[in-house]
Amino acid sequence: MGILLFILIFISLTGHGDAHGPDSCNHEGGLCRIGNCVSGEYLASYCFEPIILCCKSLSPTTTK
């Protein structure tokens, strides 16, 4: 019964609000974090709204 409840909660989190998922966050240069973004990051979107945030760095990173 507990496993079923966990699955239902997970499904409701993935379909809630404007959550885009971890793949979208990582593709856009962000990291999924639980609770709050760390210092030097800002909330860009949600991986799983409202618990898991997609945080991006304030300073732009360059790739070579």
PDB file of N, CA and C in Angstrom:
ATOM      1  N   MET A   1       0.821  -1.194   0.000  1.00  0.00           N
ATOM      2  CA  MET A   1       0.000   0.000   0.000  1.00  0.00           C
ATOM      3  C   MET A   1       0.866   1.260   0.000  1.00  0.00           C
ATOM      4  N   GLY A   2       1.974   1.233   0.750  1.00  0.00           N
ATOM      5  CA  GLY A   2       2.866   2.382   0.813  1.00  0.00           C
ATOM      6  C   GLY A   2       3.534   2.664  -0.525  1.00  0.00           C
ATOM      7  N   ILE A   3       3.861   1.596  -1.251  1.00  0.00           N
ATOM      8  CA  ILE A   3       4.492   1.755  -2.560  1.00  0.00           C
ATOM      9  C   ILE A   3       3.506   2.400  -3.531  1.00  0.00           C
ATOM     10  N   LEU A   4       2.263   1.991  -3.487  1.00  0.00           N
ATOM     11  CA  LEU A   4       1.240   2.574  -4.359  1.00  0.00           C
ATOM     12  C   LEU A   4       1.074   4.066  -4.075  1.00  0.00           C
ATOM     13  N   LEU A   5       1.069   4.440  -2.808  1.00  0.00           N
ATOM     14  CA  LEU A   5       0.955   5.840  -2.430  1.00  0.00           C
ATOM     15  C   LEU A   5       2.152   6.635  -2.959  1.00  0.00           C
ATOM     16  N   PHE A   6       3.359   6.088  -2.826  1.00  0.00           N
ATOM     17  CA  PHE A   6       4.560   6.739  -3.332  1.00  0.00           C
ATOM     18  C   PHE A   6       4.481   6.947  -4.840  1.00  0.00           C
ATOM     19  N   ILE A   7       4.012   5.951  -5.570  1.00  0.00           N
ATOM     20  CA  ILE A   7       3.884   6.051  -7.026  1.00  0.00           C
ATOM     21  C   ILE A   7       2.866   7.121  -7.401  1.00  0.00           C
ATOM     22  N   LEU A   8       1.746   7.179  -6.708  1.00  0.00           N
ATOM     23  CA  LEU A   8       0.737   8.196  -6.990  1.00  0.00           C
ATOM     24  C   LEU A   8       1.258   9.600  -6.720  1.00  0.00           C
ATOM     25  N   ILE A   9       2.017   9.778  -5.649  1.00  0.00           N
ATOM     26  CA  ILE A   9       2.600  11.090  -5.347  1.00  0.00           C
ATOM     27  C   ILE A   9       3.592  11.477  -6.434  1.00  0.00           C
ATOM     28  N   PHE A  10       4.430  10.539  -6.857  1.00  0.00           N
ATOM     29  CA  PHE A  10       5.420  10.819  -7.901  1.00  0.00           C
ATOM     30  C   PHE A  10       4.743  11.211  -9.208  1.00  0.00           C
ATOM     31  N   ILE A  11       3.691  10.502  -9.580  1.00  0.00           N
ATOM     32  CA  ILE A  11       2.962  10.818 -10.817  1.00  0.00           C
ATOM     33  C   ILE A  11       2.321  12.193 -10.723  1.00  0.00           C
ATOM     34  N   SER A  12       1.755  12.522  -9.572  1.00  0.00           N
ATOM     35  CA  SER A  12       1.122  13.837  -9.432  1.00  0.00           C
ATOM     36  C   SER A  12       2.149  14.957  -9.477  1.00  0.00           C
ATOM     37  N   LEU A  13       3.354  14.720  -8.982  1.00  0.00           N
ATOM     38  CA  LEU A  13       4.398  15.745  -9.028  1.00  0.00           C
ATOM     39  C   LEU A  13       4.894  15.971 -10.451  1.00  0.00           C
ATOM     40  N   THR A  14       4.994  14.915 -11.238  1.00  0.00           N
ATOM     41  CA  THR A  14       5.501  15.074 -12.601  1.00  0.00           C
ATOM     42  C   THR A  14       4.498  15.762 -13.507  1.00  0.00           C
ATOM     43  N   GLY A  15       3.233  15.683 -13.195  1.00  0.00           N
ATOM     44  CA  GLY A  15       2.224  16.297 -14.046  1.00  0.00           C
ATOM     45  C   GLY A  15       1.711  17.622 -13.537  1.00  0.00           C
ATOM     46  N   HIS A  16       2.287  18.171 -12.497  1.00  0.00           N
ATOM     47  CA  HIS A  16       1.767  19.372 -11.852  1.00  0.00           C
ATOM     48  C   HIS A  16       2.407  20.637 -12.410  1.00  0.00           C
ATOM     49  N   GLY A  17       1.614  21.660 -12.626  1.00  0.00           N
ATOM     50  CA  GLY A  17       2.105  22.993 -12.963  1.00  0.00           C
ATOM     51  C   GLY A  17       2.946  23.035 -14.222  1.00  0.00           C
ATOM     52  N   ASP A  18       4.003  23.863 -14.187  1.00  0.00           N
ATOM     53  CA  ASP A  18       4.858  24.013 -15.346  1.00  0.00           C
ATOM     54  C   ASP A  18       6.170  23.261 -15.185  1.00  0.00           C
ATOM     55  N   ALA A  19       6.101  22.125 -14.510  1.00  0.00           N
ATOM     56  CA  ALA A  19       7.298  21.318 -14.320  1.00  0.00           C
ATOM     57  C   ALA A  19       7.755  20.757 -15.663  1.00  0.00           C
ATOM     58  N   HIS A  20       9.036  20.924 -15.939  1.00  0.00           N
ATOM     59  CA  HIS A  20       9.568  20.486 -17.220  1.00  0.00           C
ATOM     60  C   HIS A  20      10.394  19.222 -17.104  1.00  0.00           C
ATOM     61  N   GLY A  21      10.796  18.838 -15.922  1.00  0.00           N
ATOM     62  CA  GLY A  21      11.567  17.633 -15.734  1.00  0.00           C
ATOM     63  C   GLY A  21      13.067  17.881 -15.726  1.00  0.00           C
ATOM     64  N   PRO A  22      13.807  16.913 -15.193  1.00  0.00           N
ATOM     65  CA  PRO A  22      15.253  17.082 -15.063  1.00  0.00           C
ATOM     66  C   PRO A  22      15.984  17.131 -16.401  1.00  0.00           C
ATOM     67  N   ASP A  23      15.501  16.441 -17.419  1.00  0.00           N
ATOM     68  CA  ASP A  23      16.174  16.461 -18.715  1.00  0.00           C
ATOM     69  C   ASP A  23      16.160  17.863 -19.308  1.00  0.00           C
ATOM     70  N   SER A  24      15.036  18.535 -19.216  1.00  0.00           N
ATOM     71  CA  SER A  24      14.921  19.900 -19.722  1.00  0.00           C
ATOM     72  C   SER A  24      15.818  20.845 -18.938  1.00  0.00           C
ATOM     73  N   CYS A  25      15.860  20.684 -17.636  1.00  0.00           N
ATOM     74  CA  CYS A  25      16.691  21.543 -16.788  1.00  0.00           C
ATOM     75  C   CYS A  25      18.164  21.358 -17.118  1.00  0.00           C
ATOM     76  N   ASN A  26      18.613  20.110 -17.218  1.00  0.00           N
ATOM     77  CA  ASN A  26      20.017  19.839 -17.519  1.00  0.00           C
ATOM     78  C   ASN A  26      20.387  20.324 -18.908  1.00  0.00           C
ATOM     79  N   HIS A  27      19.491  20.171 -19.858  1.00  0.00           N
ATOM     80  CA  HIS A  27      19.745  20.602 -21.230  1.00  0.00           C
ATOM     81  C   HIS A  27      19.926  22.113 -21.310  1.00  0.00           C
ATOM     82  N   GLU A  28      19.220  22.846 -20.469  1.00  0.00           N
ATOM     83  CA  GLU A  28      19.300  24.306 -20.449  1.00  0.00           C
ATOM     84  C   GLU A  28      20.411  24.818 -19.536  1.00  0.00           C
ATOM     85  N   GLY A  29      21.250  23.925 -19.006  1.00  0.00           N
ATOM     86  CA  GLY A  29      22.388  24.333 -18.188  1.00  0.00           C
ATOM     87  C   GLY A  29      22.095  24.478 -16.713  1.00  0.00           C
ATOM     88  N   GLY A  30      21.002  23.914 -16.245  1.00  0.00           N
ATOM     89  CA  GLY A  30      20.650  24.008 -14.833  1.00  0.00           C
ATOM     90  C   GLY A  30      20.870  22.705 -14.093  1.00  0.00           C
ATOM     91  N   LEU A  31      20.651  22.752 -12.790  1.00  0.00           N
ATOM     92  CA  LEU A  31      20.739  21.575 -11.936  1.00  0.00           C
ATOM     93  C   LEU A  31      19.475  21.473 -11.098  1.00  0.00           C
ATOM     94  N   CYS A  32      18.969  20.273 -10.931  1.00  0.00           N
ATOM     95  CA  CYS A  32      17.793  20.060 -10.085  1.00  0.00           C
ATOM     96  C   CYS A  32      18.243  19.998  -8.629  1.00  0.00           C
ATOM     97  N   ARG A  33      17.594  20.768  -7.777  1.00  0.00           N
ATOM     98  CA  ARG A  33      17.919  20.794  -6.350  1.00  0.00           C
ATOM     99  C   ARG A  33      16.639  20.722  -5.528  1.00  0.00           C
ATOM    100  N   ILE A  34      16.742  20.077  -4.378  1.00  0.00           N
ATOM    101  CA  ILE A  34      15.605  19.966  -3.467  1.00  0.00           C
ATOM    102  C   ILE A  34      15.652  21.131  -2.483  1.00  0.00           C
ATOM    103  N   GLY A  35      14.533  21.821  -2.329  1.00  0.00           N
ATOM    104  CA  GLY A  35      14.425  22.882  -1.332  1.00  0.00           C
ATOM    105  C   GLY A  35      14.783  24.257  -1.832  1.00  0.00           C
ATOM    106  N   ASN A  36      16.072  24.572  -1.878  1.00  0.00           N
ATOM    107  CA  ASN A  36      16.522  25.908  -2.258  1.00  0.00           C
ATOM    108  C   ASN A  36      17.711  25.818  -3.199  1.00  0.00           C
ATOM    109  N   CYS A  37      17.876  26.863  -3.999  1.00  0.00           N
ATOM    110  CA  CYS A  37      19.078  26.980  -4.814  1.00  0.00           C
ATOM    111  C   CYS A  37      20.221  27.421  -3.904  1.00  0.00           C
ATOM    112  N   VAL A  38      21.448  27.018  -4.240  1.00  0.00           N
ATOM    113  CA  VAL A  38      22.599  27.397  -3.440  1.00  0.00           C
ATOM    114  C   VAL A  38      23.033  28.809  -3.801  1.00  0.00           C
ATOM    115  N   SER A  39      23.943  29.364  -3.023  1.00  0.00           N
ATOM    116  CA  SER A  39      24.455  30.710  -3.259  1.00  0.00           C
ATOM    117  C   SER A  39      25.093  30.786  -4.641  1.00  0.00           C
ATOM    118  N   GLY A  40      24.764  31.823  -5.378  1.00  0.00           N
ATOM    119  CA  GLY A  40      25.295  31.994  -6.725  1.00  0.00           C
ATOM    120  C   GLY A  40      24.402  31.401  -7.797  1.00  0.00           C
ATOM    121  N   GLU A  41      23.235  30.903  -7.406  1.00  0.00           N
ATOM    122  CA  GLU A  41      22.275  30.332  -8.350  1.00  0.00           C
ATOM    123  C   GLU A  41      20.928  31.024  -8.200  1.00  0.00           C
ATOM    124  N   TYR A  42      20.094  30.910  -9.227  1.00  0.00           N
ATOM    125  CA  TYR A  42      18.743  31.456  -9.167  1.00  0.00           C
ATOM    126  C   TYR A  42      17.752  30.394  -9.653  1.00  0.00           C
ATOM    127  N   LEU A  43      16.500  30.548  -9.263  1.00  0.00           N
ATOM    128  CA  LEU A  43      15.443  29.626  -9.666  1.00  0.00           C
ATOM    129  C   LEU A  43      15.061  29.916 -11.108  1.00  0.00           C
ATOM    130  N   ALA A  44      15.313  28.977 -12.008  1.00  0.00           N
ATOM    131  CA  ALA A  44      15.003  29.156 -13.425  1.00  0.00           C
ATOM    132  C   ALA A  44      13.637  28.553 -13.762  1.00  0.00           C
ATOM    133  N   SER A  45      13.335  27.401 -13.197  1.00  0.00           N
ATOM    134  CA  SER A  45      12.054  26.718 -13.407  1.00  0.00           C
ATOM    135  C   SER A  45      11.960  25.617 -12.363  1.00  0.00           C
ATOM    136  N   TYR A  46      11.137  24.626 -12.618  1.00  0.00           N
ATOM    137  CA  TYR A  46      10.983  23.507 -11.699  1.00  0.00           C
ATOM    138  C   TYR A  46      11.261  22.195 -12.418  1.00  0.00           C
ATOM    139  N   CYS A  47      11.953  21.294 -11.732  1.00  0.00           N
ATOM    140  CA  CYS A  47      12.103  19.935 -12.243  1.00  0.00           C
ATOM    141  C   CYS A  47      10.822  19.163 -11.915  1.00  0.00           C
ATOM    142  N   PHE A  48      10.391  19.243 -10.663  1.00  0.00           N
ATOM    143  CA  PHE A  48       9.128  18.677 -10.205  1.00  0.00           C
ATOM    144  C   PHE A  48       8.537  19.669  -9.223  1.00  0.00           C
ATOM    145  N   GLU A  49       7.582  20.475  -9.693  1.00  0.00           N
ATOM    146  CA  GLU A  49       6.987  21.533  -8.892  1.00  0.00           C
ATOM    147  C   GLU A  49       6.185  20.951  -7.745  1.00  0.00           C
ATOM    148  N   PRO A  50       6.190  21.477  -6.569  1.00  0.00           N
ATOM    149  CA  PRO A  50       6.923  22.627  -6.060  1.00  0.00           C
ATOM    150  C   PRO A  50       8.159  22.248  -5.255  1.00  0.00           C
ATOM    151  N   ILE A  51       8.540  20.967  -5.264  1.00  0.00           N
ATOM    152  CA  ILE A  51       9.585  20.490  -4.358  1.00  0.00           C
ATOM    153  C   ILE A  51      10.986  20.592  -4.945  1.00  0.00           C
ATOM    154  N   ILE A  52      11.161  20.162  -6.184  1.00  0.00           N
ATOM    155  CA  ILE A  52      12.492  20.099  -6.777  1.00  0.00           C
ATOM    156  C   ILE A  52      12.639  21.240  -7.788  1.00  0.00           C
ATOM    157  N   LEU A  53      13.612  22.101  -7.520  1.00  0.00           N
ATOM    158  CA  LEU A  53      13.818  23.308  -8.304  1.00  0.00           C
ATOM    159  C   LEU A  53      14.885  23.096  -9.376  1.00  0.00           C
ATOM    160  N   CYS A  54      14.765  23.845 -10.457  1.00  0.00           N
ATOM    161  CA  CYS A  54      15.804  23.881 -11.484  1.00  0.00           C
ATOM    162  C   CYS A  54      16.577  25.175 -11.269  1.00  0.00           C
ATOM    163  N   CYS A  55      17.812  25.063 -10.793  1.00  0.00           N
ATOM    164  CA  CYS A  55      18.625  26.222 -10.469  1.00  0.00           C
ATOM    165  C   CYS A  55      19.716  26.409 -11.517  1.00  0.00           C
ATOM    166  N   LYS A  56      19.954  27.665 -11.872  1.00  0.00           N
ATOM    167  CA  LYS A  56      21.009  28.001 -12.822  1.00  0.00           C
ATOM    168  C   LYS A  56      21.985  28.970 -12.183  1.00  0.00           C
ATOM    169  N   SER A  57      23.205  28.914 -12.636  1.00  0.00           N
ATOM    170  CA  SER A  57      24.269  29.776 -12.122  1.00  0.00           C
ATOM    171  C   SER A  57      24.022  31.222 -12.543  1.00  0.00           C
ATOM    172  N   LEU A  58      24.330  32.155 -11.641  1.00  0.00           N
ATOM    173  CA  LEU A  58      24.193  33.576 -11.953  1.00  0.00           C
ATOM    174  C   LEU A  58      25.239  34.030 -12.963  1.00  0.00           C
ATOM    175  N   SER A  59      26.441  33.460 -12.890  1.00  0.00           N
ATOM    176  CA  SER A  59      27.488  33.829 -13.837  1.00  0.00           C
ATOM    177  C   SER A  59      27.440  32.898 -15.038  1.00  0.00           C
ATOM    178  N   PRO A  60      27.503  33.443 -16.249  1.00  0.00           N
ATOM    179  CA  PRO A  60      27.450  32.599 -17.441  1.00  0.00           C
ATOM    180  C   PRO A  60      28.696  31.737 -17.568  1.00  0.00           C
ATOM    181  N   THR A  61      28.501  30.495 -17.977  1.00  0.00           N
ATOM    182  CA  THR A  61      29.620  29.598 -18.192  1.00  0.00           C
ATOM    183  C   THR A  61      29.937  29.550 -19.669  1.00  0.00           C
ATOM    184  N   THR A  62      31.184  29.421 -19.967  1.00  0.00           N
ATOM    185  CA  THR A  62      31.583  29.370 -21.373  1.00  0.00           C
ATOM    186  C   THR A  62      32.049  27.961 -21.714  1.00  0.00           C
ATOM    187  N   THR A  63      31.785  27.557 -22.940  1.00  0.00           N
ATOM    188  CA  THR A  63      32.235  26.250 -23.400  1.00  0.00           C
ATOM    189  C   THR A  63      33.172  26.455 -24.573  1.00  0.00           C
ATOM    190  N   LYS A  64      34.194  25.616 -24.647  1.00  0.00           N
ATOM    191  CA  LYS A  64      35.153  25.728 -25.745  1.00  0.00           C
ATOM    192  C   LYS A  64      34.993  24.581 -26.712  1.00  0.00           C
TER     193      LYS A  64
END
